[in-house]
Amino acid sequence: MKLIKAVSFVFQFSLIGLGLAVLYVIWQSDHSSTEIFDFLSSTQEIQNQVQPAPDIQNPASSYADAVASSFASVVTIYTSKRIKDKPHPLLSDPIFNQLFGDQLRRRQRSRTETNLGSGVIISADGYIITNQHVIDGADEILVSLSDGRGSQAVLIGEDRETDLAILRIPISGLNAIRVSDNQPVRVGDVVLAIGNPLNVGQTVTMGIISATGRNRIGLNTFENFIQTDAAINPGNSGGALLNAQGQLIGINTAIFSQTGGSQGIGFAIPIPIALDIMRQIVVHGKVTRGRIGVVGTQITAKAAMATGNPNIKGALIVDVFIESPADKAGIQAGDIIVAVNKVPVDNIRDLLEKITLHQPGDILEVTVFRGPQQLSFSMRATERP
C-alpha cells in the first residue's frame, strides 16, 4: 500500500514538472503559444504517418506449389545386370581343365545385381538425365513415373568424367521439368531435393545451398558441385535439385558420409553442365573434349624458385606424350604452364578444365615459364580419349 502511494506521489509531481517546463518554453519563446501548440500537433501527425521499417521477409510457409510443378518430372530408375562368378582358379591349370573343366564351367553360377536411382525428364519427347553410376553396366533399365506408368529405357549416351548419362523412354504425355533461366545460384538459397531414397517412394527434402564450385572431392574427373544440406540418401542419385520456385538447378549426385546415410553434405551437378553434356550426347553421340598431351602436378618450391617468382601459379609439367600437340609445339617436362589463351592458370586441375573446355581442332596459345624465361607456344588441340 505504501509503495502504491509513493509511485502515485512521484507521478503527480512529474506531471506538474512537465507542465511548468512547457509554460517556461512558451514564456521564453519569440513565438506565440498558439504557434508552439500548432508545431507540436504537426510533429505528432508526422510521427503517426511514419511507418516502421519492414521486417526481413519471412521464408515461405509452404513449398507445395514449387514441388507440384516438378514432382511428375522426377522418375525412379531400376537397373539390373547379370554377373557371373569368377572361374575356378584350377581352370587355369591345363591338366585340371582338361579333366574337370566342363563340369566346373557348368556349375559356374551367375547372379543378378540390381541398382536404384532417380532421373529427371528434361523434354516432353522422353529424354532423361541421370547419373552414370546409376546405369553403369546395366543390362536392363526400367523407368517408373510418379503416375504409375513405366517403360524400358534406351541409353543414349554416358559421360563417366562428369558422372552423367542420358536415357530416353517411349512414353507420351510426359511433364518436362522447368529449368532455371540462368539465375545465379547463391549460398543460402533454399533448395528442394526430389528423388526416391532407399526405395521408400518419391520424397522431397529441403535445405539450403551450403557452397558452390566445390571440387577436389575425388568423385569425378571434372567437378564443379553445388553443395547442399538437403537430405540426400542412396536412391536420390540422378534426382532433381530445385530452387524455391520449383526450377531445376542441379542433378543430385553424391553424399559425403561415413555411415552411408545423409549427414548434411550432398553434392549436385549444376544444370548448365548437365545440359551441355546432354546436348553433345544427343547431337554428336558422345562428349568431346580437347587435349594437348601433358601430365602435370602442383608446382614445387624448387621449380617456383627457378622462375624467380616463389608465388607463381600454374601447373608443373612432369611428362609430355610423344607426338602430342604439346610435344610437337615444343613444351618440355619442367615447364610451368601459367596461361591458356592468355587466361591465367591457377593449378593443374584448372589447367585440365581450361583445355577440355575447347574442342578438338581449336588453336590454343599456351604460356609457360622455363626457368626465368617466359615462352609462348601455339598448338591445335586433339580429342581427349
Protein backbone atom coordinates (compact mmCIF):
# COMPACT_ATOMS: atom_id res chain seq x y z
CA MET A 1 0.00 0.00 0.00
CA LYS A 2 2.83 2.39 0.87
CA LEU A 3 4.55 1.57 -2.41
CA ILE A 4 1.43 2.49 -4.42
CA LYS A 5 1.18 5.83 -2.62
CA ALA A 6 4.84 6.56 -3.31
CA VAL A 7 4.51 5.81 -7.03
CA SER A 8 1.37 7.99 -7.22
CA PHE A 9 3.19 10.85 -5.50
CA VAL A 10 6.14 10.69 -7.91
CA PHE A 11 3.85 10.52 -10.97
CA GLN A 12 1.84 13.58 -9.88
CA PHE A 13 4.89 15.73 -9.35
CA SER A 14 6.35 14.57 -12.69
CA LEU A 15 3.26 15.84 -14.49
CA ILE A 16 3.46 19.13 -12.64
CA GLY A 17 7.14 19.48 -13.60
CA LEU A 18 6.39 18.76 -17.27
CA GLY A 19 3.62 21.38 -17.31
CA LEU A 20 5.91 24.02 -15.77
CA ALA A 21 8.58 23.23 -18.38
CA VAL A 22 6.13 23.78 -21.25
CA LEU A 23 4.97 27.12 -19.78
CA TYR A 24 8.58 28.25 -19.41
CA VAL A 25 9.33 27.44 -23.06
CA ILE A 26 6.26 29.44 -24.16
CA TRP A 27 7.28 32.41 -21.97
CA GLN A 28 10.87 32.45 -23.31
CA SER A 29 9.98 31.87 -26.96
CA ASP A 30 9.54 34.53 -29.63
CA HIS A 31 6.58 32.58 -31.00
CA SER A 32 3.09 32.73 -29.65
CA SER A 33 1.66 29.91 -27.61
CA THR A 34 -0.73 29.13 -30.47
CA GLU A 35 2.18 28.67 -32.91
CA ILE A 36 4.02 26.39 -30.49
CA PHE A 37 1.00 24.17 -29.89
CA ASP A 38 0.38 24.01 -33.68
CA PHE A 39 4.01 22.92 -34.19
CA LEU A 40 3.71 20.21 -31.54
CA SER A 41 0.49 18.95 -33.11
CA SER A 42 2.01 18.79 -36.63
CA THR A 43 5.07 16.91 -35.33
CA GLN A 44 2.81 14.33 -33.73
CA GLU A 45 0.94 13.87 -37.02
CA ILE A 46 4.23 13.30 -38.91
CA GLN A 47 5.31 10.71 -36.37
CA ASN A 48 1.98 8.96 -36.76
CA GLN A 49 2.46 8.86 -40.56
CA VAL A 50 5.96 7.31 -40.42
CA GLN A 51 5.73 3.55 -40.87
CA PRO A 52 8.18 1.27 -39.07
CA ALA A 53 10.85 -0.40 -41.20
CA PRO A 54 9.57 -3.71 -42.58
CA ASP A 55 10.91 -6.85 -41.02
CA ILE A 56 13.12 -9.18 -43.03
CA GLN A 57 10.83 -11.18 -45.27
CA ASN A 58 9.84 -14.42 -43.63
CA PRO A 59 10.55 -17.62 -45.57
CA ALA A 60 7.63 -19.24 -47.36
CA SER A 61 5.46 -21.33 -45.10
CA SER A 62 4.93 -23.86 -47.88
CA TYR A 63 6.75 -25.02 -51.00
CA ALA A 64 3.83 -27.11 -52.20
CA ASP A 65 3.42 -25.15 -55.44
CA ALA A 66 7.12 -25.46 -56.29
CA VAL A 67 7.04 -29.20 -55.64
CA ALA A 68 3.76 -29.75 -57.52
CA SER A 69 5.17 -28.14 -60.67
CA SER A 70 8.13 -30.56 -60.77
CA PHE A 71 7.08 -33.69 -58.91
CA ALA A 72 5.86 -35.52 -62.03
CA SER A 73 9.12 -34.73 -63.85
CA VAL A 74 11.26 -36.83 -61.48
CA VAL A 75 11.36 -40.57 -62.14
CA THR A 76 12.68 -43.67 -60.42
CA ILE A 77 15.23 -45.79 -62.27
CA TYR A 78 15.70 -49.51 -61.66
CA THR A 79 18.62 -51.31 -63.31
CA SER A 80 19.78 -54.90 -63.39
CA LYS A 81 22.80 -56.73 -64.73
CA ARG A 82 23.92 -60.34 -64.78
CA ILE A 83 27.19 -61.06 -63.00
CA LYS A 84 28.94 -64.37 -63.39
CA ASP A 85 31.01 -65.79 -60.58
CA LYS A 86 34.74 -65.82 -61.13
CA PRO A 87 36.06 -69.00 -62.80
CA HIS A 88 37.53 -71.61 -60.51
CA PRO A 89 41.28 -70.90 -60.13
CA LEU A 90 42.16 -74.54 -61.01
CA LEU A 91 40.76 -73.97 -64.51
CA SER A 92 43.98 -72.18 -65.34
CA ASP A 93 45.80 -75.49 -64.87
CA PRO A 94 45.84 -77.29 -68.28
CA ILE A 95 45.59 -80.81 -66.85
CA PHE A 96 42.84 -80.00 -64.34
CA ASN A 97 40.98 -78.01 -67.00
CA GLN A 98 41.11 -80.97 -69.39
CA LEU A 99 39.82 -83.40 -66.76
CA PHE A 100 37.22 -81.33 -64.90
CA GLY A 101 36.86 -78.09 -66.88
CA ASP A 102 33.49 -78.83 -68.47
CA GLN A 103 31.98 -79.90 -65.17
CA LEU A 104 33.19 -76.76 -63.34
CA ARG A 105 32.01 -74.48 -66.11
CA ARG A 106 28.52 -75.98 -65.97
CA ARG A 107 28.45 -75.37 -62.22
CA GLN A 108 29.57 -71.75 -62.61
CA ARG A 109 26.81 -69.60 -61.26
CA SER A 110 25.56 -66.15 -62.17
CA ARG A 111 23.55 -63.67 -60.18
CA THR A 112 21.51 -60.58 -60.89
CA GLU A 113 22.66 -57.31 -59.38
CA THR A 114 20.11 -54.50 -59.10
CA ASN A 115 20.54 -50.79 -58.57
CA LEU A 116 18.24 -47.92 -57.70
CA GLY A 117 18.39 -44.28 -58.69
CA SER A 118 16.39 -41.31 -59.88
CA GLY A 119 16.21 -39.25 -63.04
CA VAL A 120 14.79 -36.01 -64.40
CA ILE A 121 12.60 -35.65 -67.50
CA ILE A 122 14.18 -32.83 -69.49
CA SER A 123 11.96 -32.85 -72.58
CA ALA A 124 8.43 -33.97 -73.42
CA ASP A 125 9.80 -36.36 -76.06
CA GLY A 126 11.30 -38.60 -73.39
CA TYR A 127 14.89 -37.52 -72.71
CA ILE A 128 16.00 -38.10 -69.12
CA ILE A 129 19.15 -37.00 -67.30
CA THR A 130 20.56 -39.22 -64.56
CA ASN A 131 23.91 -40.20 -63.09
CA GLN A 132 26.24 -42.51 -65.00
CA HIS A 133 26.88 -44.60 -61.90
CA VAL A 134 23.14 -45.35 -61.66
CA ILE A 135 23.12 -47.19 -65.02
CA ASP A 136 26.75 -48.32 -65.15
CA GLY A 137 26.99 -51.69 -66.91
CA ALA A 138 23.23 -52.28 -66.77
CA ASP A 139 21.69 -54.96 -68.99
CA GLU A 140 18.19 -53.59 -68.40
CA ILE A 141 16.98 -50.12 -67.41
CA LEU A 142 13.41 -49.59 -66.20
CA VAL A 143 11.91 -46.15 -65.60
CA SER A 144 8.93 -45.67 -63.30
CA LEU A 145 6.91 -42.43 -63.42
CA SER A 146 5.20 -40.81 -60.47
CA ASP A 147 1.76 -41.56 -62.02
CA GLY A 148 2.46 -45.30 -62.02
CA ARG A 149 3.42 -45.69 -65.69
CA GLY A 150 6.69 -47.36 -66.57
CA SER A 151 8.85 -48.33 -69.51
CA GLN A 152 12.17 -49.75 -70.51
CA ALA A 153 14.68 -47.02 -71.28
CA VAL A 154 17.28 -46.74 -74.01
CA LEU A 155 20.73 -45.50 -73.06
CA ILE A 156 21.51 -42.64 -75.47
CA GLY A 157 24.97 -41.95 -74.08
CA GLU A 158 27.06 -41.51 -70.96
CA ASP A 159 29.99 -39.46 -69.74
CA ARG A 160 31.99 -41.05 -66.94
CA GLU A 161 34.12 -37.96 -66.35
CA THR A 162 31.14 -35.90 -65.17
CA ASP A 163 29.03 -38.89 -64.00
CA LEU A 164 26.12 -38.08 -66.30
CA ALA A 165 24.00 -40.29 -68.57
CA ILE A 166 21.14 -39.61 -70.98
CA LEU A 167 18.20 -42.00 -71.32
CA ARG A 168 15.07 -41.96 -73.44
CA ILE A 169 11.67 -43.56 -72.89
CA PRO A 170 8.88 -44.07 -75.49
CA ILE A 171 6.04 -42.59 -73.42
CA SER A 172 3.76 -39.73 -74.44
CA GLY A 173 2.27 -37.04 -72.23
CA LEU A 174 5.43 -36.50 -70.22
CA ASN A 175 5.93 -33.46 -68.00
CA ALA A 176 9.27 -31.82 -68.76
CA ILE A 177 10.77 -30.09 -65.76
CA ARG A 178 11.18 -26.32 -65.69
CA VAL A 179 14.85 -25.37 -65.90
CA SER A 180 16.26 -22.33 -64.11
CA ASP A 181 16.80 -19.46 -66.54
CA ASN A 182 20.45 -18.80 -65.70
CA GLN A 183 19.67 -17.12 -62.40
CA PRO A 184 22.76 -17.10 -60.15
CA VAL A 185 22.89 -19.85 -57.56
CA ARG A 186 23.82 -18.28 -54.22
CA VAL A 187 24.96 -19.70 -50.92
CA GLY A 188 21.99 -19.54 -48.57
CA ASP A 189 19.30 -20.05 -51.22
CA VAL A 190 16.56 -22.50 -50.27
CA VAL A 191 16.63 -25.72 -52.32
CA LEU A 192 14.43 -28.80 -52.62
CA ALA A 193 15.69 -32.29 -53.46
CA ILE A 194 13.33 -34.80 -55.11
CA GLY A 195 14.10 -38.47 -55.61
CA ASN A 196 13.41 -41.96 -54.34
CA PRO A 197 15.77 -42.51 -51.40
CA LEU A 198 16.14 -46.09 -50.26
CA ASN A 199 13.15 -47.01 -52.46
CA VAL A 200 10.64 -45.67 -49.94
CA GLY A 201 8.88 -43.72 -52.70
CA GLN A 202 9.06 -40.26 -54.21
CA THR A 203 10.37 -37.95 -51.48
CA VAL A 204 11.03 -34.23 -51.09
CA THR A 205 13.61 -32.80 -48.71
CA MET A 206 14.52 -29.17 -48.07
CA GLY A 207 17.73 -27.35 -47.23
CA ILE A 208 19.92 -24.52 -48.40
CA ILE A 209 22.88 -24.19 -50.72
CA SER A 210 25.91 -24.65 -48.50
CA ALA A 211 28.59 -23.88 -51.11
CA THR A 212 29.14 -23.60 -54.84
CA GLY A 213 32.03 -24.57 -57.08
CA ARG A 214 33.09 -27.50 -54.88
CA ASN A 215 35.92 -29.53 -56.44
CA ARG A 216 38.78 -31.77 -55.32
CA ILE A 217 36.18 -34.10 -53.81
CA GLY A 218 37.56 -37.07 -55.71
CA LEU A 219 34.25 -38.19 -57.23
CA ASN A 220 34.68 -37.20 -60.88
CA THR A 221 37.41 -36.04 -63.22
CA PHE A 222 35.58 -32.74 -63.69
CA GLU A 223 33.99 -31.37 -60.54
CA ASN A 224 32.06 -28.15 -60.01
CA PHE A 225 29.46 -29.20 -57.46
CA ILE A 226 26.66 -27.39 -55.69
CA GLN A 227 26.84 -28.43 -52.04
CA THR A 228 23.60 -28.65 -50.08
CA ASP A 229 22.40 -29.79 -46.69
CA ALA A 230 19.08 -31.05 -48.09
CA ALA A 231 18.88 -34.71 -47.07
CA ILE A 232 20.20 -36.94 -49.89
CA ASN A 233 20.40 -40.70 -49.49
CA PRO A 234 21.11 -43.71 -51.73
CA GLY A 235 18.43 -43.67 -54.42
CA ASN A 236 18.45 -39.89 -54.74
CA SER A 237 21.28 -40.07 -57.27
CA GLY A 238 20.17 -38.56 -60.57
CA GLY A 239 17.23 -36.76 -58.99
CA ALA A 240 16.35 -33.08 -59.10
CA LEU A 241 17.69 -30.21 -57.03
CA LEU A 242 15.20 -27.34 -57.32
CA ASN A 243 15.15 -23.71 -56.27
CA ALA A 244 12.25 -22.28 -54.25
CA GLN A 245 10.33 -21.60 -57.47
CA GLY A 246 10.44 -25.26 -58.48
CA GLN A 247 13.03 -24.77 -61.24
CA LEU A 248 15.81 -27.30 -61.83
CA ILE A 249 19.24 -26.05 -60.80
CA GLY A 250 21.17 -29.31 -60.37
CA ILE A 251 21.30 -33.11 -60.62
CA ASN A 252 21.80 -34.75 -57.23
CA THR A 253 24.89 -36.92 -57.44
CA ALA A 254 26.52 -37.97 -54.20
CA ILE A 255 26.70 -37.65 -50.45
CA PHE A 256 29.69 -37.25 -48.19
CA SER A 257 29.09 -39.73 -45.42
CA GLN A 258 30.99 -42.02 -43.08
CA THR A 259 27.90 -44.10 -42.35
CA GLY A 260 26.18 -44.30 -45.74
CA GLY A 261 23.36 -42.03 -44.58
CA SER A 262 22.73 -38.35 -45.04
CA GLN A 263 24.91 -36.11 -42.89
CA GLY A 264 24.02 -32.76 -44.42
CA ILE A 265 26.73 -32.77 -47.10
CA GLY A 266 25.32 -33.56 -50.52
CA PHE A 267 26.58 -32.66 -53.99
CA ALA A 268 24.72 -31.82 -57.18
CA ILE A 269 25.95 -31.15 -60.72
CA PRO A 270 24.91 -27.64 -61.88
CA ILE A 271 22.26 -27.80 -64.60
CA PRO A 272 24.28 -25.77 -67.19
CA ILE A 273 26.94 -28.51 -67.15
CA ALA A 274 24.31 -31.27 -67.37
CA LEU A 275 22.54 -29.59 -70.31
CA ASP A 276 25.82 -29.14 -72.20
CA ILE A 277 26.65 -32.83 -71.75
CA MET A 278 23.15 -33.76 -72.90
CA ARG A 279 23.43 -31.55 -75.99
CA GLN A 280 26.73 -33.13 -77.02
CA ILE A 281 25.45 -36.67 -76.49
CA VAL A 282 22.18 -36.12 -78.34
CA VAL A 283 23.76 -34.20 -81.24
CA HIS A 284 27.11 -35.97 -81.60
CA GLY A 285 26.54 -39.26 -79.79
CA LYS A 286 29.39 -38.60 -77.37
CA VAL A 287 31.15 -35.90 -75.37
CA THR A 288 34.28 -34.47 -76.95
CA ARG A 289 36.97 -32.52 -75.13
CA GLY A 290 40.25 -31.00 -76.14
CA ARG A 291 43.67 -32.38 -75.20
CA ILE A 292 47.26 -31.20 -75.58
CA GLY A 293 49.01 -34.28 -74.15
CA VAL A 294 50.72 -33.27 -70.92
CA VAL A 295 50.88 -34.70 -67.41
CA GLY A 296 51.09 -32.09 -64.68
CA THR A 297 51.25 -31.65 -60.94
CA GLN A 298 51.39 -28.90 -58.34
CA ILE A 299 54.33 -26.51 -58.57
CA THR A 300 57.22 -27.48 -56.30
CA ALA A 301 59.15 -24.89 -54.30
CA LYS A 302 62.29 -25.66 -56.33
CA ALA A 303 60.50 -25.11 -59.65
CA ALA A 304 58.96 -21.87 -58.40
CA MET A 305 62.32 -20.51 -57.22
CA ALA A 306 63.83 -21.31 -60.64
CA THR A 307 61.39 -18.84 -62.23
CA GLY A 308 62.40 -16.07 -59.83
CA ASN A 309 58.83 -15.86 -58.55
CA PRO A 310 58.25 -18.06 -55.48
CA ASN A 311 54.49 -17.24 -55.57
CA ILE A 312 53.97 -18.28 -59.18
CA LYS A 313 50.69 -20.02 -60.01
CA GLY A 314 50.18 -22.64 -62.70
CA ALA A 315 50.83 -26.31 -63.43
CA LEU A 316 54.23 -28.00 -63.40
CA ILE A 317 54.61 -30.35 -66.38
CA VAL A 318 56.19 -33.68 -65.44
CA ASP A 319 55.67 -35.54 -68.73
CA VAL A 320 54.74 -34.86 -72.34
CA PHE A 321 53.20 -37.53 -74.56
CA ILE A 322 55.18 -38.29 -77.73
CA GLU A 323 53.63 -36.82 -80.89
CA SER A 324 51.03 -34.96 -78.84
CA PRO A 325 50.17 -31.31 -79.62
CA ALA A 326 52.32 -30.13 -76.70
CA ASP A 327 55.26 -32.28 -77.84
CA LYS A 328 55.06 -31.00 -81.40
CA ALA A 329 54.83 -27.40 -80.18
CA GLY A 330 57.94 -27.74 -78.01
CA ILE A 331 56.67 -27.92 -74.43
CA GLN A 332 59.02 -29.87 -72.17
CA ALA A 333 58.90 -31.58 -68.79
CA GLY A 334 59.82 -29.00 -66.15
CA ASP A 335 57.91 -26.18 -67.85
CA ILE A 336 55.28 -24.36 -65.82
CA ILE A 337 52.08 -23.55 -67.73
CA VAL A 338 50.72 -20.25 -66.43
CA ALA A 339 48.06 -19.35 -69.03
CA VAL A 340 45.92 -20.78 -71.83
CA ASN A 341 44.80 -18.26 -74.45
CA LYS A 342 46.06 -15.56 -72.07
CA VAL A 343 43.70 -16.73 -69.31
CA PRO A 344 45.71 -17.40 -66.11
CA VAL A 345 46.00 -20.98 -64.83
CA ASP A 346 45.83 -21.46 -61.07
CA ASN A 347 46.77 -25.13 -60.72
CA ILE A 348 46.79 -28.48 -62.50
CA ARG A 349 43.02 -29.01 -62.17
CA ASP A 350 42.39 -25.54 -63.53
CA LEU A 351 44.65 -26.34 -66.50
CA LEU A 352 42.71 -29.54 -67.20
CA GLU A 353 39.39 -27.72 -67.13
CA LYS A 354 40.58 -24.88 -69.36
CA ILE A 355 41.94 -27.26 -72.00
CA THR A 356 38.94 -29.60 -72.01
CA LEU A 357 36.54 -26.69 -72.48
CA HIS A 358 37.94 -26.45 -76.01
CA GLN A 359 37.01 -28.76 -78.84
CA PRO A 360 39.42 -30.85 -80.93
CA GLY A 361 40.84 -28.68 -83.66
CA ASP A 362 40.81 -25.46 -81.62
CA ILE A 363 44.03 -23.44 -81.65
CA LEU A 364 45.43 -22.88 -78.15
CA GLU A 365 48.11 -20.41 -77.12
CA VAL A 366 49.90 -21.81 -74.09
CA THR A 367 52.15 -19.57 -71.98
CA VAL A 368 54.89 -21.25 -69.95
CA PHE A 369 57.87 -20.40 -67.77
CA ARG A 370 61.04 -22.35 -68.46
CA GLY A 371 63.16 -21.25 -65.58
CA PRO A 372 63.04 -17.43 -65.57
CA GLN A 373 62.22 -17.32 -69.30
CA GLN A 374 58.62 -16.83 -70.41
CA LEU A 375 57.69 -18.61 -73.65
CA SER A 376 54.53 -18.91 -75.73
CA PHE A 377 53.51 -21.95 -77.82
CA SER A 378 50.70 -22.37 -80.30
CA MET A 379 49.13 -25.79 -80.85
CA ARG A 380 45.99 -27.44 -82.20
CA ALA A 381 44.07 -29.47 -79.64
CA THR A 382 43.26 -33.10 -80.34
CA GLU A 383 40.44 -35.19 -78.88
CA ARG A 384 40.73 -36.34 -75.31
CA PRO A 385 40.39 -40.15 -75.23
